[in-house]
Protein backbone atom coordinates (compact mmCIF):
# COMPACT_ATOMS: atom_id res chain seq x y z
CA UNK A 1 136.23 113.39 84.31
CA UNK A 2 132.92 113.62 86.22
CA UNK A 3 130.71 110.68 87.19
CA UNK A 4 127.07 111.11 87.96
CA UNK A 5 124.45 108.78 89.42
CA UNK A 6 120.85 108.40 88.21
CA UNK A 7 117.71 107.33 90.10
CA UNK A 8 114.59 106.05 88.35
CA UNK A 9 111.43 104.05 88.76
CA UNK A 10 112.21 100.63 90.19
CA UNK A 11 108.90 98.81 90.79
CA UNK A 12 106.15 98.42 88.27
CA UNK A 13 103.24 100.84 88.65
CA UNK A 14 99.74 99.43 88.85
CA UNK A 15 96.93 102.03 88.65
CA UNK A 16 94.16 99.64 89.66
CA UNK A 17 95.86 98.56 92.86
CA UNK A 18 92.92 99.65 95.00
CA UNK A 19 90.78 96.84 93.54
CA UNK A 20 93.43 94.45 94.90
CA UNK A 21 95.76 96.06 97.50
CA UNK A 22 97.78 92.85 97.76
CA UNK A 23 99.96 94.38 95.07
CA UNK A 24 101.37 96.78 97.63
CA UNK A 25 100.44 95.18 100.99
CA UNK A 26 100.71 91.46 101.73
CA UNK A 27 98.41 91.74 104.75
CA UNK A 28 95.43 92.09 102.34
CA UNK A 29 95.70 88.48 101.15
CA UNK A 30 92.66 86.38 101.94
CA UNK A 31 90.65 89.31 103.35
CA UNK A 32 87.54 88.12 101.49
CA UNK A 33 85.63 84.82 101.65
CA UNK A 34 86.45 84.12 97.98
CA UNK A 35 89.53 83.15 96.13
CA UNK A 36 90.46 85.76 93.49
CA UNK A 37 92.53 85.49 90.33
CA UNK A 38 93.57 88.69 88.52
CA UNK A 39 95.39 89.21 85.23
CA UNK A 40 96.82 92.72 84.45
CA UNK A 41 98.56 94.06 81.35
CA UNK A 42 100.03 97.56 81.51
CA UNK A 43 101.66 99.60 78.73
CA UNK A 44 103.15 102.75 80.29
CA UNK A 45 104.13 105.96 78.47
CA UNK A 46 102.96 104.88 74.98
CA UNK A 47 105.15 106.51 72.33
CA UNK A 48 108.43 106.47 74.29
CA UNK A 49 110.94 103.92 73.03
CA UNK A 50 111.79 101.43 75.80
CA UNK A 51 108.97 102.55 78.09
CA UNK A 52 107.74 100.06 80.81
CA UNK A 53 105.49 97.13 79.78
CA UNK A 54 104.19 94.99 82.62
CA UNK A 55 102.19 91.72 82.95
CA UNK A 56 101.11 90.37 86.34
CA UNK A 57 99.07 87.39 87.54
CA UNK A 58 97.89 87.16 91.15
CA UNK A 59 95.92 84.55 93.11
CA UNK A 60 94.79 84.90 96.74
CA UNK A 61 92.46 82.91 98.98
CA UNK A 62 91.47 82.55 102.64
CA UNK A 63 91.70 79.22 104.46
CA UNK A 64 88.69 77.54 106.02
CA UNK A 65 89.42 78.91 109.44
CA UNK A 66 89.04 82.45 107.95
CA UNK A 67 91.87 83.94 109.95
CA UNK A 68 94.66 83.28 107.48
CA UNK A 69 95.17 84.21 103.84
CA UNK A 70 97.52 82.98 101.14
CA UNK A 71 98.61 84.57 97.89
CA UNK A 72 100.73 84.07 94.83
CA UNK A 73 101.96 86.68 92.35
CA UNK A 74 103.87 86.22 89.08
CA UNK A 75 105.09 89.20 87.14
CA UNK A 76 107.13 90.22 84.14
CA UNK A 77 108.30 93.85 83.78
CA UNK A 78 110.38 95.20 80.82
CA UNK A 79 111.94 98.62 80.80
CA UNK A 80 114.31 99.21 77.87
CA UNK A 81 117.20 96.72 78.22
CA UNK A 82 116.07 95.63 81.73
CA UNK A 83 113.71 92.69 82.27
CA UNK A 84 112.49 91.62 85.67
CA UNK A 85 110.53 88.44 86.25
CA UNK A 86 109.58 87.06 89.59
CA UNK A 87 107.34 85.06 91.87
CA UNK A 88 105.99 86.26 95.18
CA UNK A 89 104.49 84.08 97.97
CA UNK A 90 102.12 85.73 100.45
CA UNK A 91 100.94 84.77 103.92
CA UNK A 92 98.61 86.89 106.12
CA UNK A 93 97.13 86.37 109.56
CA UNK A 94 94.27 88.48 110.92
CA UNK A 95 92.78 89.00 114.33
CA UNK A 96 89.52 90.67 115.42
CA UNK A 97 90.00 94.19 116.65
CA UNK A 98 87.18 96.57 117.48
CA UNK A 99 84.59 96.60 114.69
CA UNK A 100 87.01 95.13 112.17
CA UNK A 101 90.07 92.93 111.71
CA UNK A 102 93.80 93.67 111.82
CA UNK A 103 95.95 91.61 109.56
CA UNK A 104 99.73 91.10 109.40
CA UNK A 105 101.34 89.86 106.21
CA UNK A 106 104.71 88.77 104.88
CA UNK A 107 105.72 87.81 101.35
CA UNK A 108 109.04 86.25 100.39
CA UNK A 109 109.94 86.58 96.76
CA UNK A 110 112.49 85.61 94.14
CA UNK A 111 113.20 87.92 91.15
CA UNK A 112 115.46 87.51 88.15
CA UNK A 113 116.93 90.69 86.90
CA UNK A 114 118.28 90.59 83.31
CA UNK A 115 120.27 93.36 81.65
CA UNK A 116 120.74 93.16 77.82
CA UNK A 117 123.68 95.43 77.07
CA UNK A 118 123.23 94.87 73.29
CA UNK A 119 119.80 96.59 73.34
CA UNK A 120 121.30 99.96 74.37
CA UNK A 121 121.82 102.50 71.59
CA UNK A 122 125.11 104.32 71.72
CA UNK A 123 126.72 107.10 69.71
CA UNK A 124 130.10 105.35 69.85
CA UNK A 125 129.41 102.02 68.14
CA UNK A 126 132.74 100.58 69.31
CA UNK A 127 132.46 101.46 73.01
CA UNK A 128 133.74 98.31 74.77
CA UNK A 129 131.50 98.91 77.81
CA UNK A 130 128.47 97.81 75.78
CA UNK A 131 129.97 94.69 74.22
CA UNK A 132 129.99 92.66 77.47
CA UNK A 133 127.76 89.66 77.94
CA UNK A 134 124.22 90.09 79.14
CA UNK A 135 123.78 89.86 82.88
CA UNK A 136 121.24 87.83 84.92
CA UNK A 137 120.88 87.62 88.63
CA UNK A 138 118.31 85.93 90.88
CA UNK A 139 117.63 88.09 93.95
CA UNK A 140 115.62 86.95 97.07
CA UNK A 141 113.58 89.55 98.94
CA UNK A 142 110.79 89.98 101.47
CA UNK A 143 107.92 92.43 102.16
CA UNK A 144 105.88 93.13 105.32
CA UNK A 145 102.58 94.84 105.86
CA UNK A 146 99.70 95.56 108.26
CA UNK A 147 96.15 96.13 107.12
CA UNK A 148 92.99 97.04 109.09
CA UNK A 149 89.52 96.77 107.60
CA UNK A 150 85.94 97.18 108.86
CA UNK A 151 82.62 97.40 106.97
CA UNK A 152 83.11 101.06 106.19
CA UNK A 153 86.84 101.94 106.13
CA UNK A 154 90.29 100.46 105.67
CA UNK A 155 93.97 101.41 106.17
CA UNK A 156 97.35 99.86 105.97
CA UNK A 157 101.11 100.32 105.95
CA UNK A 158 103.71 98.18 104.26
CA UNK A 159 107.41 97.96 103.57
CA UNK A 160 108.63 96.36 100.36
CA UNK A 161 112.14 95.22 99.52
CA UNK A 162 113.20 94.73 103.10
CA UNK A 163 116.36 93.01 101.84
CA UNK A 164 118.33 95.57 99.82
CA UNK A 165 120.26 93.29 97.46
CA UNK A 166 122.65 94.39 94.75
CA UNK A 167 121.31 93.69 91.27
CA UNK A 168 124.38 93.41 88.96
CA UNK A 169 128.14 93.04 89.26
CA UNK A 170 128.56 96.24 87.25
CA UNK A 171 127.76 99.50 88.97
CA UNK A 172 126.09 99.93 92.38
CA UNK A 173 122.43 99.26 91.50
CA UNK A 174 120.40 97.65 94.30
CA UNK A 175 116.85 97.49 95.42
CA UNK A 176 115.44 100.26 97.55
CA UNK A 177 112.85 99.96 100.31
CA UNK A 178 109.42 101.18 99.38
CA UNK A 179 106.98 102.31 102.09
CA UNK A 180 103.26 102.53 101.39
CA UNK A 181 100.54 104.21 103.46
CA UNK A 182 96.97 103.46 102.28
CA UNK A 183 93.62 104.55 103.67
CA UNK A 184 90.07 104.83 102.45
CA UNK A 185 86.42 103.99 103.03
CA UNK A 186 83.02 103.74 101.54
CA UNK A 187 80.15 106.28 101.69
CA UNK A 188 76.66 105.14 100.89
CA UNK A 189 74.78 107.86 98.95
CA UNK A 190 71.64 105.83 98.26
CA UNK A 191 70.76 102.26 97.28
CA UNK A 192 72.18 102.73 93.76
CA UNK A 193 75.34 104.80 94.43
CA UNK A 194 78.30 104.22 96.73
CA UNK A 195 81.47 106.34 96.87
CA UNK A 196 84.89 105.04 97.81
CA UNK A 197 87.53 107.72 98.51
CA UNK A 198 91.07 106.60 99.12
CA UNK A 199 94.63 108.00 99.40
CA UNK A 200 98.03 106.39 98.95
CA UNK A 201 101.40 107.81 99.92
CA UNK A 202 104.60 106.18 98.72
CA UNK A 203 108.06 106.87 100.05
CA UNK A 204 111.30 105.59 98.46
CA UNK A 205 114.76 106.65 99.47
CA UNK A 206 116.36 109.07 96.99
CA UNK A 207 113.04 109.75 95.26
CA UNK A 208 110.35 112.41 95.73
CA UNK A 209 107.33 111.55 97.93
CA UNK A 210 104.39 110.40 95.84
CA UNK A 211 100.80 111.18 96.92
CA UNK A 212 97.79 109.71 95.19
CA UNK A 213 94.15 110.63 95.77
CA UNK A 214 91.36 108.62 94.23
CA UNK A 215 87.57 108.72 94.20
CA UNK A 216 85.54 105.77 92.78
CA UNK A 217 81.81 105.49 92.49
CA UNK A 218 79.83 102.27 92.28
CA UNK A 219 76.60 102.44 90.36
CA UNK A 220 73.79 99.83 90.73
CA UNK A 221 76.36 97.31 92.12
CA UNK A 222 77.70 96.83 88.59
CA UNK A 223 79.91 99.67 87.38
CA UNK A 224 82.83 101.38 89.04
CA UNK A 225 83.93 104.75 87.69
CA UNK A 226 87.00 106.36 89.26
CA UNK A 227 89.18 109.41 88.98
CA UNK A 228 92.58 110.03 90.56
CA UNK A 229 95.36 112.51 90.77
CA UNK A 230 98.97 111.68 91.52
CA UNK A 231 101.67 114.12 92.48
CA UNK A 232 105.37 113.65 93.25
CA UNK A 233 107.33 116.02 95.44
CA UNK A 234 105.37 118.98 96.62
CA UNK A 235 101.84 117.77 95.76
CA UNK A 236 100.29 121.25 95.61
CA UNK A 237 103.40 123.18 94.52
CA UNK A 238 104.21 124.48 91.16
CA UNK A 239 107.21 122.10 90.83
CA UNK A 240 105.21 118.95 91.45
CA UNK A 241 104.74 116.49 88.65
CA UNK A 242 101.12 115.46 88.32
CA UNK A 243 99.37 112.56 86.59
CA UNK A 244 95.62 112.04 86.16
CA UNK A 245 94.03 108.61 86.11
CA UNK A 246 90.58 107.45 84.97
CA UNK A 247 89.36 103.93 85.81
CA UNK A 248 86.34 101.88 84.88
CA UNK A 249 85.47 98.43 86.19
CA UNK A 250 82.42 96.39 85.14
CA UNK A 251 81.11 93.41 87.11
CA UNK A 252 80.10 91.11 84.31
CA UNK A 253 78.67 88.62 86.84
CA UNK A 254 79.13 87.67 90.49
CA UNK A 255 82.42 86.09 89.58
CA UNK A 256 83.78 87.82 86.53
CA UNK A 257 84.91 91.46 86.20
CA UNK A 258 86.74 93.61 83.74
CA UNK A 259 88.69 96.85 84.33
CA UNK A 260 90.51 99.49 82.32
CA UNK A 261 92.51 102.57 83.35
CA UNK A 262 94.16 105.40 81.49
CA UNK A 263 96.90 107.61 82.93
CA UNK A 264 97.82 110.94 81.49
CA UNK A 265 100.89 113.01 82.39
CA UNK A 266 100.04 116.62 83.04
CA UNK A 267 103.57 118.05 83.01
CA UNK A 268 106.47 118.00 80.54
CA UNK A 269 106.55 114.25 80.10
CA UNK A 270 103.07 114.36 78.63
CA UNK A 271 104.45 116.06 75.50
CA UNK A 272 106.36 112.93 74.59
CA UNK A 273 103.85 110.12 75.16
CA UNK A 274 100.11 109.44 74.66
CA UNK A 275 99.45 108.13 78.09
CA UNK A 276 99.43 104.76 79.89
CA UNK A 277 96.96 101.95 79.39
CA UNK A 278 96.10 99.16 81.80
CA UNK A 279 93.70 96.23 81.32
CA UNK A 280 92.48 94.02 84.17
CA UNK A 281 90.56 90.74 84.17
CA UNK A 282 89.40 89.21 87.50
CA UNK A 283 87.57 86.08 88.53
CA UNK A 284 86.24 85.05 91.94
CA UNK A 285 86.05 81.45 93.08
CA UNK A 286 83.47 80.71 95.79
CA UNK A 287 85.01 78.84 98.62
CA UNK A 288 81.98 78.44 100.91
CA UNK A 289 78.45 77.28 100.45
CA UNK A 290 77.05 80.69 101.37
CA UNK A 291 76.33 83.12 98.47
CA UNK A 292 79.14 85.49 97.65
CA UNK A 293 78.58 89.11 98.63
CA UNK A 294 78.51 91.39 95.56
CA UNK A 295 79.71 94.01 95.31
CA UNK A 296 82.85 93.91 97.38
CA UNK A 297 83.87 97.46 98.22
CA UNK A 298 87.45 96.64 99.39
């Protein structure tokens, strides 16, 4: 008898994170002079039975003193028999530093993990292991991040799942710490075109290092078009797994914006799915009498 362990994706993937980095770094909360609400629906690996489906709602805002930010996130993530729902509270404090501001953020959270054993398909229909009751567990957690921004560039580091809780009474599954390193900037080409290159590195214990490089262009302050490449493991090696991403975001008005992204797997997994789709709807609430600055590069 031989027992083997398996490691797999734990957190939901959001391709349009760079339009709202609070998804991966709590220190970003309240970095703008407007309150922002964002809805995202993601359908990952279309065509694979039990593939991840994710819905998120986020709200963030600065306070009147402009040196603190607050955020709220609610999410629902379903992967096969596993459903994770949760609420995340975010607080950020920023101080002037050089030509920009340095922010520190923390976000406590509560997540409910639910495992439906009866949704698993087995060859042995009478296997007693899969006839047990469904499991549910509420798990507290916390994230921490630092984020620096100026008028032309930004960068940040964050650690998510600082509290590594066990998830279920069966097995040894538990949350793993996720570390994110994010950096980018804006390059003005002319009055109608701005480029925003960015890079993200993600490290998770027992998983390959993930590197993501993106380039987005803003045309006439209305339309964002972006391309990205993501690689796990050796990014430039022959054994790396690569994924390409295309993103479009349209500013319908000073307050309302719509985004869509498409991910395509370039290696073996691409033979078994038709890609991943993500839809985003965002709305800005003006908090001050002064006119909102549009566009907002980051």
